[in-house]
N, C-alpha and C. Protein backbone atom coordinates (compact mmCIF):
# COMPACT_ATOMS: atom_id res chain seq x y z
N UNK A 1 0.82 -1.20 0.00
CA UNK A 1 0.00 0.00 0.00
C UNK A 1 0.86 1.25 0.00
N UNK A 2 1.91 1.25 0.83
CA UNK A 2 2.78 2.42 0.89
C UNK A 2 3.47 2.68 -0.45
N UNK A 3 3.79 1.59 -1.17
CA UNK A 3 4.44 1.74 -2.47
C UNK A 3 3.52 2.48 -3.45
N UNK A 4 2.24 2.14 -3.47
CA UNK A 4 1.30 2.78 -4.39
C UNK A 4 1.05 4.24 -4.01
N UNK A 5 1.00 4.50 -2.74
CA UNK A 5 0.82 5.88 -2.27
C UNK A 5 2.03 6.73 -2.65
N UNK A 6 3.21 6.16 -2.46
CA UNK A 6 4.43 6.88 -2.83
C UNK A 6 4.47 7.16 -4.33
N UNK A 7 4.13 6.18 -5.16
CA UNK A 7 4.11 6.37 -6.61
C UNK A 7 3.07 7.41 -7.02
N UNK A 8 1.91 7.40 -6.38
CA UNK A 8 0.87 8.38 -6.70
C UNK A 8 1.32 9.79 -6.33
N UNK A 9 1.94 9.94 -5.15
CA UNK A 9 2.43 11.25 -4.74
C UNK A 9 3.57 11.72 -5.65
N UNK A 10 4.41 10.80 -6.06
CA UNK A 10 5.50 11.15 -6.96
C UNK A 10 4.97 11.60 -8.32
N UNK A 11 3.95 10.93 -8.82
CA UNK A 11 3.36 11.29 -10.11
C UNK A 11 2.68 12.66 -10.03
N UNK A 12 1.95 12.90 -8.98
CA UNK A 12 1.28 14.20 -8.81
C UNK A 12 2.32 15.30 -8.64
N UNK A 13 3.34 15.03 -7.87
CA UNK A 13 4.39 16.03 -7.66
C UNK A 13 5.16 16.32 -8.94
N UNK A 14 5.36 15.32 -9.76
CA UNK A 14 6.06 15.52 -11.03
C UNK A 14 5.26 16.34 -12.01
N UNK A 15 3.94 16.19 -11.99
CA UNK A 15 3.09 16.95 -12.89
C UNK A 15 2.91 18.38 -12.41
N UNK A 16 3.09 18.62 -11.12
CA UNK A 16 2.86 19.94 -10.56
C UNK A 16 4.02 20.90 -10.85
N UNK A 17 5.20 20.36 -11.13
CA UNK A 17 6.35 21.23 -11.39
C UNK A 17 6.28 21.81 -12.79
N UNK A 18 6.65 23.05 -12.89
CA UNK A 18 6.65 23.73 -14.19
C UNK A 18 8.11 23.91 -14.64
N UNK A 19 8.49 23.17 -15.65
CA UNK A 19 9.84 23.26 -16.18
C UNK A 19 9.82 24.13 -17.42
N UNK A 20 10.80 24.99 -17.52
CA UNK A 20 10.92 25.80 -18.74
C UNK A 20 12.37 25.77 -19.20
N UNK A 21 12.53 25.63 -20.49
CA UNK A 21 13.85 25.58 -21.09
C UNK A 21 13.96 26.68 -22.11
N UNK A 22 15.13 27.30 -22.16
CA UNK A 22 15.38 28.31 -23.18
C UNK A 22 16.53 27.82 -24.05
N UNK A 23 16.35 27.99 -25.34
CA UNK A 23 17.37 27.60 -26.30
C UNK A 23 18.00 28.86 -26.84
N UNK A 24 19.31 28.97 -26.69
CA UNK A 24 20.01 30.14 -27.19
C UNK A 24 20.33 29.95 -28.66
N UNK A 25 19.92 30.90 -29.45
CA UNK A 25 20.19 30.86 -30.88
C UNK A 25 21.56 31.47 -31.16
N UNK A 26 22.33 30.87 -32.03
CA UNK A 26 23.60 31.50 -32.38
C UNK A 26 23.34 32.80 -33.14
N UNK A 27 24.20 33.77 -33.00
CA UNK A 27 23.96 35.03 -33.71
C UNK A 27 23.97 34.81 -35.22
N UNK A 28 23.03 35.47 -35.87
CA UNK A 28 22.92 35.34 -37.32
C UNK A 28 24.04 36.13 -37.99
N UNK A 29 24.65 35.50 -38.97
CA UNK A 29 25.72 36.17 -39.70
C UNK A 29 25.18 36.67 -41.02
N UNK A 30 25.77 37.71 -41.50
CA UNK A 30 25.38 38.27 -42.79
C UNK A 30 25.82 37.30 -43.89
N UNK A 31 24.89 36.75 -44.68
CA UNK A 31 25.29 35.77 -45.69
C UNK A 31 26.13 36.39 -46.82
N UNK A 32 26.04 37.71 -46.97
CA UNK A 32 26.80 38.36 -48.03
C UNK A 32 28.20 38.76 -47.58
N UNK A 33 28.49 38.56 -46.31
CA UNK A 33 29.80 38.92 -45.79
C UNK A 33 30.85 37.96 -46.36
N UNK A 34 31.91 38.53 -46.91
CA UNK A 34 32.96 37.73 -47.54
C UNK A 34 34.00 37.38 -46.49
N UNK A 35 34.27 36.09 -46.34
CA UNK A 35 35.24 35.65 -45.36
C UNK A 35 36.40 34.90 -46.02
N UNK A 36 36.26 34.55 -47.28
CA UNK A 36 37.28 33.79 -47.97
C UNK A 36 38.34 34.74 -48.53
N UNK A 37 39.61 34.58 -48.13
CA UNK A 37 40.65 35.49 -48.64
C UNK A 37 40.81 35.40 -50.16
N UNK A 38 40.58 34.22 -50.73
CA UNK A 38 40.71 34.06 -52.19
C UNK A 38 39.66 34.90 -52.91
N UNK A 39 38.42 34.92 -52.39
CA UNK A 39 37.38 35.71 -53.04
C UNK A 39 37.65 37.20 -52.87
N UNK A 40 38.24 37.60 -51.75
CA UNK A 40 38.59 39.01 -51.57
C UNK A 40 39.67 39.41 -52.58
N UNK A 41 40.64 38.52 -52.82
CA UNK A 41 41.66 38.80 -53.83
C UNK A 41 41.03 38.91 -55.21
N UNK A 42 40.08 38.02 -55.51
CA UNK A 42 39.41 38.06 -56.81
C UNK A 42 38.65 39.37 -56.98
N UNK A 43 37.96 39.81 -55.95
CA UNK A 43 37.22 41.07 -56.03
C UNK A 43 38.18 42.24 -56.25
N UNK A 44 39.33 42.22 -55.58
CA UNK A 44 40.32 43.28 -55.75
C UNK A 44 40.85 43.28 -57.18
N UNK A 45 41.12 42.11 -57.74
CA UNK A 45 41.64 42.02 -59.11
C UNK A 45 40.60 42.51 -60.10
N UNK A 46 39.34 42.17 -59.89
CA UNK A 46 38.27 42.62 -60.79
C UNK A 46 38.12 44.13 -60.71
N UNK A 47 38.16 44.70 -59.51
CA UNK A 47 38.06 46.15 -59.36
C UNK A 47 39.23 46.86 -60.05
N UNK A 48 40.43 46.31 -59.91
CA UNK A 48 41.59 46.91 -60.58
C UNK A 48 41.44 46.83 -62.10
N UNK A 49 40.92 45.72 -62.61
CA UNK A 49 40.72 45.58 -64.05
C UNK A 49 39.66 46.56 -64.55
N UNK A 50 38.62 46.79 -63.78
CA UNK A 50 37.61 47.77 -64.16
C UNK A 50 38.20 49.18 -64.19
N UNK A 51 39.02 49.49 -63.18
CA UNK A 51 39.63 50.82 -63.12
C UNK A 51 40.60 51.05 -64.27
N UNK A 52 41.32 50.01 -64.67
CA UNK A 52 42.29 50.13 -65.76
C UNK A 52 41.65 50.04 -67.13
N UNK A 53 40.38 49.66 -67.20
CA UNK A 53 39.70 49.53 -68.48
C UNK A 53 39.96 48.19 -69.14
N UNK A 54 40.54 47.25 -68.46
CA UNK A 54 40.81 45.93 -69.03
C UNK A 54 39.59 45.03 -68.96
N UNK A 55 38.59 45.42 -68.20
CA UNK A 55 37.40 44.59 -68.06
C UNK A 55 36.21 45.35 -68.64
N UNK A 56 35.58 44.73 -69.63
CA UNK A 56 34.42 45.36 -70.26
C UNK A 56 33.19 45.08 -69.41
N UNK A 57 32.56 46.13 -68.87
CA UNK A 57 31.41 45.97 -67.99
C UNK A 57 30.09 45.95 -68.77
N UNK A 58 30.11 46.25 -70.06
CA UNK A 58 28.88 46.25 -70.85
C UNK A 58 28.53 44.83 -71.30
N UNK A 59 27.22 44.59 -71.39
CA UNK A 59 26.79 43.25 -71.82
C UNK A 59 26.22 43.33 -73.20
């Protein structure tokens, strides 16, 4: 009898507790932000070619 009473009290006590969890989201990064050094070099080379007139920008 004591076992059933203990289980019933444990079940009621477990349901009475209010648990809350918070999930921390990682900070969102700008998808257009360039992080690759090779792509930064490519952009610099393209800009230099445009400035020198070696790259035709017209389509």
